PDB file of N, CA and C in Angstrom:
ATOM      1  N   MET A   1     100.001  83.221 106.728  1.00  0.00           N
ATOM      2  CA  MET A   1      99.217  84.407 106.450  1.00  0.00           C
ATOM      3  C   MET A   1      99.091  85.200 107.730  1.00  0.00           C
ATOM      4  N   ALA A   2      99.297  86.476 107.626  1.00  0.00           N
ATOM      5  CA  ALA A   2      99.330  87.331 108.804  1.00  0.00           C
ATOM      6  C   ALA A   2      97.943  87.678 109.332  1.00  0.00           C
ATOM      7  N   GLY A   3      96.920  87.458 108.588  1.00  0.00           N
ATOM      8  CA  GLY A   3      95.591  87.855 109.031  1.00  0.00           C
ATOM      9  C   GLY A   3      95.453  89.360 108.977  1.00  0.00           C
ATOM     10  N   ASN A   4      94.326  89.864 109.436  1.00  0.00           N
ATOM     11  CA  ASN A   4      94.142  91.305 109.413  1.00  0.00           C
ATOM     12  C   ASN A   4      94.329  91.852 110.818  1.00  0.00           C
ATOM     13  N   ARG A   5      95.513  92.348 111.080  1.00  0.00           N
ATOM     14  CA  ARG A   5      95.818  92.942 112.370  1.00  0.00           C
ATOM     15  C   ARG A   5      96.360  94.348 112.139  1.00  0.00           C
ATOM     16  N   VAL A   6      96.195  95.187 113.119  1.00  0.00           N
ATOM     17  CA  VAL A   6      96.688  96.561 113.006  1.00  0.00           C
ATOM     18  C   VAL A   6      98.218  96.530 113.004  1.00  0.00           C
ATOM     19  N   ILE A   7      98.802  97.178 112.024  1.00  0.00           N
ATOM     20  CA  ILE A   7     100.254  97.270 111.897  1.00  0.00           C
ATOM     21  C   ILE A   7     100.720  98.625 112.435  1.00  0.00           C
ATOM     22  N   CYS A   8     100.045  99.669 112.024  1.00  0.00           N
ATOM     23  CA  CYS A   8     100.371 101.028 112.469  1.00  0.00           C
ATOM     24  C   CYS A   8      99.282 101.490 113.425  1.00  0.00           C
ATOM     25  N   HIS A   9      99.621 101.514 114.697  1.00  0.00           N
ATOM     26  CA  HIS A   9      98.634 101.883 115.708  1.00  0.00           C
ATOM     27  C   HIS A   9      98.359 103.385 115.721  1.00  0.00           C
ATOM     28  N   CYS A  10      99.353 104.195 115.389  1.00  0.00           N
ATOM     29  CA  CYS A  10      99.149 105.648 115.378  1.00  0.00           C
ATOM     30  C   CYS A  10      98.090 106.069 114.357  1.00  0.00           C
ATOM     31  N   LYS A  11      98.112 105.439 113.199  1.00  0.00           N
ATOM     32  CA  LYS A  11      97.203 105.805 112.110  1.00  0.00           C
ATOM     33  C   LYS A  11      96.135 104.740 111.860  1.00  0.00           C
ATOM     34  N   ASN A  12      96.122 103.695 112.702  1.00  0.00           N
ATOM     35  CA  ASN A  12      95.141 102.605 112.611  1.00  0.00           C
ATOM     36  C   ASN A  12      95.119 101.970 111.210  1.00  0.00           C
ATOM     37  N   VAL A  13      96.291 101.617 110.725  1.00  0.00           N
ATOM     38  CA  VAL A  13      96.425 100.984 109.405  1.00  0.00           C
ATOM     39  C   VAL A  13      96.689  99.499 109.623  1.00  0.00           C
ATOM     40  N   ASP A  14      95.858  98.680 108.991  1.00  0.00           N
ATOM     41  CA  ASP A  14      95.978  97.243 109.183  1.00  0.00           C
ATOM     42  C   ASP A  14      96.741  96.579 108.036  1.00  0.00           C
ATOM     43  N   TYR A  15      97.017  95.301 108.244  1.00  0.00           N
ATOM     44  CA  TYR A  15      97.774  94.485 107.290  1.00  0.00           C
ATOM     45  C   TYR A  15      97.126  94.499 105.903  1.00  0.00           C
ATOM     46  N   ILE A  16      95.824  94.308 105.845  1.00  0.00           N
ATOM     47  CA  ILE A  16      95.138  94.238 104.552  1.00  0.00           C
ATOM     48  C   ILE A  16      95.246  95.565 103.807  1.00  0.00           C
ATOM     49  N   THR A  17      95.185  96.662 104.508  1.00  0.00           N
ATOM     50  CA  THR A  17      95.334  97.971 103.866  1.00  0.00           C
ATOM     51  C   THR A  17      96.716  98.101 103.242  1.00  0.00           C
ATOM     52  N   ILE A  18      97.732  97.620 103.926  1.00  0.00           N
ATOM     53  CA  ILE A  18      99.093  97.656 103.377  1.00  0.00           C
ATOM     54  C   ILE A  18      99.196  96.750 102.160  1.00  0.00           C
ATOM     55  N   ARG A  19      98.628  95.548 102.239  1.00  0.00           N
ATOM     56  CA  ARG A  19      98.659  94.632 101.085  1.00  0.00           C
ATOM     57  C   ARG A  19      97.903  95.216  99.895  1.00  0.00           C
ATOM     58  N   LYS A  20      96.774  95.876 100.152  1.00  0.00           N
ATOM     59  CA  LYS A  20      96.020  96.520  99.061  1.00  0.00           C
ATOM     60  C   LYS A  20      96.848  97.621  98.405  1.00  0.00           C
ATOM     61  N   ALA A  21      97.598  98.362  99.204  1.00  0.00           N
ATOM     62  CA  ALA A  21      98.482  99.384  98.640  1.00  0.00           C
ATOM     63  C   ALA A  21      99.558  98.744  97.772  1.00  0.00           C
ATOM     64  N   MET A  22     100.060  97.594  98.192  1.00  0.00           N
ATOM     65  CA  MET A  22     101.038  96.871  97.379  1.00  0.00           C
ATOM     66  C   MET A  22     100.413  96.423  96.063  1.00  0.00           C
ATOM     67  N   ILE A  23      99.169  95.959  96.112  1.00  0.00           N
ATOM     68  CA  ILE A  23      98.470  95.537  94.895  1.00  0.00           C
ATOM     69  C   ILE A  23      98.281  96.724  93.949  1.00  0.00           C
ATOM     70  N   GLN A  24      98.192  97.924  94.511  1.00  0.00           N
ATOM     71  CA  GLN A  24      98.060  99.135  93.705  1.00  0.00           C
ATOM     72  C   GLN A  24      99.417  99.663  93.248  1.00  0.00           C
ATOM     73  N   GLY A  25     100.508  98.988  93.636  1.00  0.00           N
ATOM     74  CA  GLY A  25     101.825  99.341  93.127  1.00  0.00           C
ATOM     75  C   GLY A  25     102.830  99.843  94.144  1.00  0.00           C
ATOM     76  N   ALA A  26     102.456 100.001  95.397  1.00  0.00           N
ATOM     77  CA  ALA A  26     103.414 100.453  96.411  1.00  0.00           C
ATOM     78  C   ALA A  26     104.489  99.392  96.617  1.00  0.00           C
ATOM     79  N   ARG A  27     105.742  99.807  96.549  1.00  0.00           N
ATOM     80  CA  ARG A  27     106.857  98.875  96.734  1.00  0.00           C
ATOM     81  C   ARG A  27     107.867  99.366  97.755  1.00  0.00           C
ATOM     82  N   THR A  28     107.710 100.595  98.224  1.00  0.00           N
ATOM     83  CA  THR A  28     108.654 101.149  99.189  1.00  0.00           C
ATOM     84  C   THR A  28     107.896 101.666 100.411  1.00  0.00           C
ATOM     85  N   LEU A  29     108.630 101.870 101.490  1.00  0.00           N
ATOM     86  CA  LEU A  29     108.029 102.421 102.691  1.00  0.00           C
ATOM     87  C   LEU A  29     107.449 103.802 102.407  1.00  0.00           C
ATOM     88  N   ASP A  30     108.145 104.617 101.638  1.00  0.00           N
ATOM     89  CA  ASP A  30     107.625 105.945 101.311  1.00  0.00           C
ATOM     90  C   ASP A  30     106.319 105.866 100.530  1.00  0.00           C
ATOM     91  N   GLU A  31     106.214 104.900  99.632  1.00  0.00           N
ATOM     92  CA  GLU A  31     104.965 104.733  98.878  1.00  0.00           C
ATOM     93  C   GLU A  31     103.831 104.260  99.797  1.00  0.00           C
ATOM     94  N   ILE A  32     104.139 103.370 100.734  1.00  0.00           N
ATOM     95  CA  ILE A  32     103.139 102.930 101.711  1.00  0.00           C
ATOM     96  C   ILE A  32     102.705 104.116 102.569  1.00  0.00           C
ATOM     97  N   LYS A  33     103.656 104.916 103.007  1.00  0.00           N
ATOM     98  CA  LYS A  33     103.326 106.109 103.788  1.00  0.00           C
ATOM     99  C   LYS A  33     102.367 107.015 103.025  1.00  0.00           C
ATOM    100  N   ALA A  34     102.687 107.272 101.764  1.00  0.00           N
ATOM    101  CA  ALA A  34     101.872 108.175 100.956  1.00  0.00           C
ATOM    102  C   ALA A  34     100.468 107.615 100.711  1.00  0.00           C
ATOM    103  N   MET A  35     100.369 106.314 100.505  1.00  0.00           N
ATOM    104  CA  MET A  35      99.081 105.709 100.160  1.00  0.00           C
ATOM    105  C   MET A  35      98.207 105.402 101.373  1.00  0.00           C
ATOM    106  N   THR A  36      98.830 105.128 102.533  1.00  0.00           N
ATOM    107  CA  THR A  36      98.049 104.671 103.681  1.00  0.00           C
ATOM    108  C   THR A  36      98.168 105.555 104.916  1.00  0.00           C
ATOM    109  N   GLY A  37      99.223 106.339 104.994  1.00  0.00           N
ATOM    110  CA  GLY A  37      99.494 107.115 106.202  1.00  0.00           C
ATOM    111  C   GLY A  37     100.274 106.331 107.251  1.00  0.00           C
ATOM    112  N   ALA A  38     100.436 105.040 107.041  1.00  0.00           N
ATOM    113  CA  ALA A  38     101.180 104.205 107.991  1.00  0.00           C
ATOM    114  C   ALA A  38     102.611 104.708 108.123  1.00  0.00           C
ATOM    115  N   ALA A  39     103.161 104.584 109.322  1.00  0.00           N
ATOM    116  CA  ALA A  39     104.544 104.955 109.639  1.00  0.00           C
ATOM    117  C   ALA A  39     104.792 106.454 109.555  1.00  0.00           C
ATOM    118  N   THR A  40     103.726 107.248 109.557  1.00  0.00           N
ATOM    119  CA  THR A  40     103.896 108.702 109.527  1.00  0.00           C
ATOM    120  C   THR A  40     103.687 109.329 110.903  1.00  0.00           C
ATOM    121  N   GLY A  41     103.378 108.502 111.883  1.00  0.00           N
ATOM    122  CA  GLY A  41     103.244 108.976 113.267  1.00  0.00           C
ATOM    123  C   GLY A  41     104.563 108.784 113.974  1.00  0.00           C
ATOM    124  N   CYS A  42     104.605 107.833 114.881  1.00  0.00           N
ATOM    125  CA  CYS A  42     105.826 107.583 115.666  1.00  0.00           C
ATOM    126  C   CYS A  42     106.881 106.817 114.860  1.00  0.00           C
ATOM    127  N   GLY A  43     106.458 106.072 113.834  1.00  0.00           N
ATOM    128  CA  GLY A  43     107.397 105.343 112.988  1.00  0.00           C
ATOM    129  C   GLY A  43     107.817 103.976 113.507  1.00  0.00           C
ATOM    130  N   LYS A  44     107.287 103.553 114.643  1.00  0.00           N
ATOM    131  CA  LYS A  44     107.687 102.257 115.205  1.00  0.00           C
ATOM    132  C   LYS A  44     107.304 101.078 114.320  1.00  0.00           C
ATOM    133  N   CYS A  45     106.341 101.254 113.448  1.00  0.00           N
ATOM    134  CA  CYS A  45     105.868 100.159 112.597  1.00  0.00           C
ATOM    135  C   CYS A  45     106.670 100.017 111.302  1.00  0.00           C
ATOM    136  N   ALA A  46     107.583 100.926 111.038  1.00  0.00           N
ATOM    137  CA  ALA A  46     108.303 100.938 109.757  1.00  0.00           C
ATOM    138  C   ALA A  46     109.009  99.616 109.472  1.00  0.00           C
ATOM    139  N   GLU A  47     109.643  99.039 110.473  1.00  0.00           N
ATOM    140  CA  GLU A  47     110.361  97.780 110.262  1.00  0.00           C
ATOM    141  C   GLU A  47     109.400  96.661 109.877  1.00  0.00           C
ATOM    142  N   GLU A  48     108.260  96.602 110.537  1.00  0.00           N
ATOM    143  CA  GLU A  48     107.274  95.569 110.205  1.00  0.00           C
ATOM    144  C   GLU A  48     106.707  95.786 108.793  1.00  0.00           C
ATOM    145  N   ILE A  49     106.505  97.032 108.413  1.00  0.00           N
ATOM    146  CA  ILE A  49     106.026  97.328 107.057  1.00  0.00           C
ATOM    147  C   ILE A  49     107.060  96.890 106.030  1.00  0.00           C
ATOM    148  N   GLU A  50     108.331  97.121 106.311  1.00  0.00           N
ATOM    149  CA  GLU A  50     109.397  96.675 105.399  1.00  0.00           C
ATOM    150  C   GLU A  50     109.349  95.162 105.204  1.00  0.00           C
ATOM    151  N   LYS A  51     109.070  94.428 106.265  1.00  0.00           N
ATOM    152  CA  LYS A  51     108.959  92.968 106.163  1.00  0.00           C
ATOM    153  C   LYS A  51     107.767  92.580 105.294  1.00  0.00           C
ATOM    154  N   ILE A  52     106.655  93.273 105.463  1.00  0.00           N
ATOM    155  CA  ILE A  52     105.471  92.996 104.639  1.00  0.00           C
ATOM    156  C   ILE A  52     105.782  93.287 103.184  1.00  0.00           C
ATOM    157  N   LEU A  53     106.460  94.395 102.921  1.00  0.00           N
ATOM    158  CA  LEU A  53     106.826  94.761 101.553  1.00  0.00           C
ATOM    159  C   LEU A  53     107.730  93.720 100.896  1.00  0.00           C
ATOM    160  N   ALA A  54     108.547  93.059 101.675  1.00  0.00           N
ATOM    161  CA  ALA A  54     109.497  92.077 101.136  1.00  0.00           C
ATOM    162  C   ALA A  54     108.840  90.750 100.771  1.00  0.00           C
ATOM    163  N   SER A  55     107.620  90.523 101.234  1.00  0.00           N
ATOM    164  CA  SER A  55     106.958  89.232 101.040  1.00  0.00           C
ATOM    165  C   SER A  55     105.777  89.335 100.085  1.00  0.00           C
ATOM    166  N   VAL A  56     105.665  88.356  99.211  1.00  0.00           N
ATOM    167  CA  VAL A  56     104.494  88.272  98.334  1.00  0.00           C
ATOM    168  C   VAL A  56     103.564  87.171  98.815  1.00  0.00           C
ATOM    169  N   CYS A  57     104.125  86.002  99.083  1.00  0.00           N
ATOM    170  CA  CYS A  57     103.316  84.840  99.433  1.00  0.00           C
ATOM    171  C   CYS A  57     103.779  84.253 100.759  1.00  0.00           C
ATOM    172  N   GLY A  58     102.949  84.440 101.778  1.00  0.00           N
ATOM    173  CA  GLY A  58     103.279  83.900 103.095  1.00  0.00           C
ATOM    174  C   GLY A  58     103.121  82.395 103.173  1.00  0.00           C
ATOM    175  N   CYS A  59     102.191  81.845 102.411  1.00  0.00           N
ATOM    176  CA  CYS A  59     101.960  80.391 102.437  1.00  0.00           C
ATOM    177  C   CYS A  59     103.192  79.616 101.970  1.00  0.00           C
ATOM    178  N   LYS A  60     103.820  80.117 100.925  1.00  0.00           N
ATOM    179  CA  LYS A  60     104.984  79.445 100.337  1.00  0.00           C
ATOM    180  C   LYS A  60     106.292  80.168 100.647  1.00  0.00           C
ATOM    181  N   ASN A  61     106.209  81.233 101.476  1.00  0.00           N
ATOM    182  CA  ASN A  61     107.381  82.013 101.857  1.00  0.00           C
ATOM    183  C   ASN A  61     108.142  82.514 100.627  1.00  0.00           C
ATOM    184  N   VAL A  62     107.421  83.177  99.735  1.00  0.00           N
ATOM    185  CA  VAL A  62     108.006  83.686  98.495  1.00  0.00           C
ATOM    186  C   VAL A  62     108.169  85.199  98.627  1.00  0.00           C
ATOM    187  N   SER A  63     109.370  85.667  98.360  1.00  0.00           N
ATOM    188  CA  SER A  63     109.668  87.089  98.493  1.00  0.00           C
ATOM    189  C   SER A  63     109.287  87.863  97.227  1.00  0.00           C
ATOM    190  N   LEU A  64     109.163  89.159  97.394  1.00  0.00           N
ATOM    191  CA  LEU A  64     108.934  90.040  96.254  1.00  0.00           C
ATOM    192  C   LEU A  64     110.097  89.925  95.280  1.00  0.00           C
ATOM    193  N   GLU A  65     111.290  89.848  95.817  1.00  0.00           N
ATOM    194  CA  GLU A  65     112.487  89.722  94.985  1.00  0.00           C
ATOM    195  C   GLU A  65     112.408  88.480  94.078  1.00  0.00           C
ATOM    196  N   GLU A  66     111.951  87.359  94.618  1.00  0.00           N
ATOM    197  CA  GLU A  66     111.828  86.131  93.825  1.00  0.00           C
ATOM    198  C   GLU A  66     110.796  86.289  92.710  1.00  0.00           C
ATOM    199  N   VAL A  67     109.682  86.929  93.012  1.00  0.00           N
ATOM    200  CA  VAL A  67     108.637  87.111  92.008  1.00  0.00           C
ATOM    201  C   VAL A  67     109.114  88.064  90.912  1.00  0.00           C
ATOM    202  N   VAL A  68     109.737  89.161  91.303  1.00  0.00           N
ATOM    203  CA  VAL A  68     110.262  90.110  90.311  1.00  0.00           C
ATOM    204  C   VAL A  68     111.300  89.424  89.431  1.00  0.00           C
ATOM    205  N   PHE A  69     112.162  88.619  90.018  1.00  0.00           N
ATOM    206  CA  PHE A  69     113.176  87.885  89.252  1.00  0.00           C
ATOM    207  C   PHE A  69     112.508  86.961  88.232  1.00  0.00           C
ATOM    208  N   ALA A  70     111.478  86.233  88.661  1.00  0.00           N
ATOM    209  CA  ALA A  70     110.769  85.327  87.751  1.00  0.00           C
ATOM    210  C   ALA A  70     110.137  86.106  86.600  1.00  0.00           C
ATOM    211  N   VAL A  71     109.540  87.244  86.906  1.00  0.00           N
ATOM    212  CA  VAL A  71     108.891  88.065  85.874  1.00  0.00           C
ATOM    213  C   VAL A  71     109.935  88.609  84.898  1.00  0.00           C
ATOM    214  N   LYS A  72     111.029  89.102  85.429  1.00  0.00           N
ATOM    215  CA  LYS A  72     112.076  89.652  84.560  1.00  0.00           C
ATOM    216  C   LYS A  72     112.735  88.572  83.712  1.00  0.00           C
ATOM    217  N   ASN A  73     112.564  87.313  84.101  1.00  0.00           N
ATOM    218  CA  ASN A  73     113.126  86.204  83.332  1.00  0.00           C
ATOM    219  C   ASN A  73     112.075  85.462  82.522  1.00  0.00           C
ATOM    220  N   GLY A  74     110.955  86.131  82.235  1.00  0.00           N
ATOM    221  CA  GLY A  74     110.005  85.594  81.279  1.00  0.00           C
ATOM    222  C   GLY A  74     108.669  85.107  81.795  1.00  0.00           C
ATOM    223  N   ALA A  75     108.491  84.991  83.097  1.00  0.00           N
ATOM    224  CA  ALA A  75     107.189  84.553  83.620  1.00  0.00           C
ATOM    225  C   ALA A  75     106.201  85.699  83.422  1.00  0.00           C
ATOM    226  N   ASP A  76     105.276  85.526  82.491  1.00  0.00           N
ATOM    227  CA  ASP A  76     104.385  86.625  82.137  1.00  0.00           C
ATOM    228  C   ASP A  76     102.922  86.377  82.512  1.00  0.00           C
ATOM    229  N   THR A  77     102.677  85.334  83.286  1.00  0.00           N
ATOM    230  CA  THR A  77     101.334  85.081  83.816  1.00  0.00           C
ATOM    231  C   THR A  77     101.462  84.663  85.282  1.00  0.00           C
ATOM    232  N   VAL A  78     100.368  84.810  85.998  1.00  0.00           N
ATOM    233  CA  VAL A  78     100.361  84.404  87.403  1.00  0.00           C
ATOM    234  C   VAL A  78     100.678  82.920  87.524  1.00  0.00           C
ATOM    235  N   ASP A  79     100.129  82.117  86.626  1.00  0.00           N
ATOM    236  CA  ASP A  79     100.394  80.674  86.668  1.00  0.00           C
ATOM    237  C   ASP A  79     101.870  80.354  86.443  1.00  0.00           C
ATOM    238  N   LYS A  80     102.508  81.063  85.517  1.00  0.00           N
ATOM    239  CA  LYS A  80     103.936  80.827  85.271  1.00  0.00           C
ATOM    240  C   LYS A  80     104.775  81.231  86.477  1.00  0.00           C
ATOM    241  N   VAL A  81     104.430  82.351  87.103  1.00  0.00           N
ATOM    242  CA  VAL A  81     105.137  82.760  88.315  1.00  0.00           C
ATOM    243  C   VAL A  81     104.941  81.699  89.391  1.00  0.00           C
ATOM    244  N   GLY A  82     103.735  81.173  89.492  1.00  0.00           N
ATOM    245  CA  GLY A  82     103.448  80.115  90.459  1.00  0.00           C
ATOM    246  C   GLY A  82     104.251  78.857  90.212  1.00  0.00           C
ATOM    247  N   GLU A  83     104.403  78.489  88.952  1.00  0.00           N
ATOM    248  CA  GLU A  83     105.197  77.302  88.611  1.00  0.00           C
ATOM    249  C   GLU A  83     106.652  77.473  89.050  1.00  0.00           C
ATOM    250  N   ILE A  84     107.177  78.683  88.899  1.00  0.00           N
ATOM    251  CA  ILE A  84     108.588  78.946  89.211  1.00  0.00           C
ATOM    252  C   ILE A  84     108.805  79.152  90.709  1.00  0.00           C
ATOM    253  N   THR A  85     107.917  79.917  91.343  1.00  0.00           N
ATOM    254  CA  THR A  85     108.153  80.328  92.734  1.00  0.00           C
ATOM    255  C   THR A  85     107.252  79.639  93.755  1.00  0.00           C
ATOM    256  N   GLY A  86     106.100  79.171  93.308  1.00  0.00           N
ATOM    257  CA  GLY A  86     105.111  78.626  94.225  1.00  0.00           C
ATOM    258  C   GLY A  86     104.085  79.652  94.669  1.00  0.00           C
ATOM    259  N   ALA A  87     104.345  80.931  94.426  1.00  0.00           N
ATOM    260  CA  ALA A  87     103.422  81.996  94.835  1.00  0.00           C
ATOM    261  C   ALA A  87     102.067  81.814  94.159  1.00  0.00           C
ATOM    262  N   GLY A  88     101.009  81.908  94.951  1.00  0.00           N
ATOM    263  CA  GLY A  88      99.655  81.816  94.411  1.00  0.00           C
ATOM    264  C   GLY A  88      99.148  80.413  94.182  1.00  0.00           C
ATOM    265  N   THR A  89      99.885  79.418  94.636  1.00  0.00           N
ATOM    266  CA  THR A  89      99.474  78.039  94.364  1.00  0.00           C
ATOM    267  C   THR A  89      98.806  77.363  95.560  1.00  0.00           C
ATOM    268  N   ASP A  90      98.722  78.058  96.678  1.00  0.00           N
ATOM    269  CA  ASP A  90      98.104  77.467  97.863  1.00  0.00           C
ATOM    270  C   ASP A  90      96.758  78.138  98.109  1.00  0.00           C
ATOM    271  N   CYS A  91      96.725  79.182  98.910  1.00  0.00           N
ATOM    272  CA  CYS A  91      95.443  79.834  99.222  1.00  0.00           C
ATOM    273  C   CYS A  91      95.029  80.829  98.143  1.00  0.00           C
ATOM    274  N   GLU A  92      95.944  81.235  97.298  1.00  0.00           N
ATOM    275  CA  GLU A  92      95.720  82.117  96.148  1.00  0.00           C
ATOM    276  C   GLU A  92      95.472  83.576  96.511  1.00  0.00           C
ATOM    277  N   ARG A  93      95.622  83.958  97.770  1.00  0.00           N
ATOM    278  CA  ARG A  93      95.369  85.349  98.165  1.00  0.00           C
ATOM    279  C   ARG A  93      96.372  86.321  97.568  1.00  0.00           C
ATOM    280  N   CYS A  94      97.535  85.853  97.200  1.00  0.00           N
ATOM    281  CA  CYS A  94      98.569  86.750  96.684  1.00  0.00           C
ATOM    282  C   CYS A  94      98.512  86.925  95.165  1.00  0.00           C
ATOM    283  N   LYS A  95      97.571  86.272  94.510  1.00  0.00           N
ATOM    284  CA  LYS A  95      97.520  86.329  93.045  1.00  0.00           C
ATOM    285  C   LYS A  95      97.372  87.747  92.500  1.00  0.00           C
ATOM    286  N   ALA A  96      96.599  88.596  93.165  1.00  0.00           N
ATOM    287  CA  ALA A  96      96.433  89.971  92.694  1.00  0.00           C
ATOM    288  C   ALA A  96      97.754  90.735  92.773  1.00  0.00           C
ATOM    289  N   LEU A  97      98.517  90.488  93.832  1.00  0.00           N
ATOM    290  CA  LEU A  97      99.822  91.135  93.960  1.00  0.00           C
ATOM    291  C   LEU A  97     100.791  90.600  92.909  1.00  0.00           C
ATOM    292  N   VAL A  98     100.778  89.304  92.677  1.00  0.00           N
ATOM    293  CA  VAL A  98     101.634  88.726  91.631  1.00  0.00           C
ATOM    294  C   VAL A  98     101.279  89.346  90.280  1.00  0.00           C
ATOM    295  N   GLN A  99      99.994  89.498  89.987  1.00  0.00           N
ATOM    296  CA  GLN A  99      99.586  90.115  88.724  1.00  0.00           C
ATOM    297  C   GLN A  99     100.085  91.547  88.630  1.00  0.00           C
ATOM    298  N   ASN A 100     100.044  92.280  89.737  1.00  0.00           N
ATOM    299  CA  ASN A 100     100.540  93.656  89.738  1.00  0.00           C
ATOM    300  C   ASN A 100     102.045  93.690  89.469  1.00  0.00           C
ATOM    301  N   VAL A 101     102.779  92.754  90.037  1.00  0.00           N
ATOM    302  CA  VAL A 101     104.221  92.680  89.770  1.00  0.00           C
ATOM    303  C   VAL A 101     104.447  92.422  88.276  1.00  0.00           C
ATOM    304  N   ILE A 102     103.668  91.543  87.696  1.00  0.00           N
ATOM    305  CA  ILE A 102     103.773  91.280  86.257  1.00  0.00           C
ATOM    306  C   ILE A 102     103.485  92.547  85.464  1.00  0.00           C
ATOM    307  N   ASP A 103     102.410  93.229  85.827  1.00  0.00           N
ATOM    308  CA  ASP A 103     102.011  94.443  85.104  1.00  0.00           C
ATOM    309  C   ASP A 103     103.074  95.540  85.197  1.00  0.00           C
ATOM    310  N   LEU A 104     103.638  95.729  86.396  1.00  0.00           N
ATOM    311  CA  LEU A 104     104.611  96.797  86.607  1.00  0.00           C
ATOM    312  C   LEU A 104     106.058  96.363  86.386  1.00  0.00           C
ATOM    313  N   LYS A 105     106.278  95.058  86.379  1.00  0.00           N
ATOM    314  CA  LYS A 105     107.618  94.473  86.259  1.00  0.00           C
ATOM    315  C   LYS A 105     108.549  94.990  87.358  1.00  0.00           C
ATOM    316  N   ARG A 106     107.929  95.174  88.567  1.00  0.00           N
ATOM    317  CA  ARG A 106     108.715  95.595  89.740  1.00  0.00           C
ATOM    318  C   ARG A 106     107.985  95.183  90.999  1.00  0.00           C
TER     319      ARG A 106
END
């Protein structure tokens, strides 16, 4: 787990703010920019934001791609996604994001 640290120093956007934007449906750097303002200053944080976007569960090292794949192949609850990928089965902090992936199927 990355903890709450500032990711975008120009706009003072922290890790939790980026994760909350993901829970609200942000899946691309442009969507993160629009929702948080991150990476709209110098842009040095863009690569780190891309890494955050690619990950759903840091405890089990589960990617967004793995969760989306599980959902598209029938996992329609957070528990089912957890059974397939492991996401949400440890500290459970990623469960809201997993639910959003289920809801949006992306």
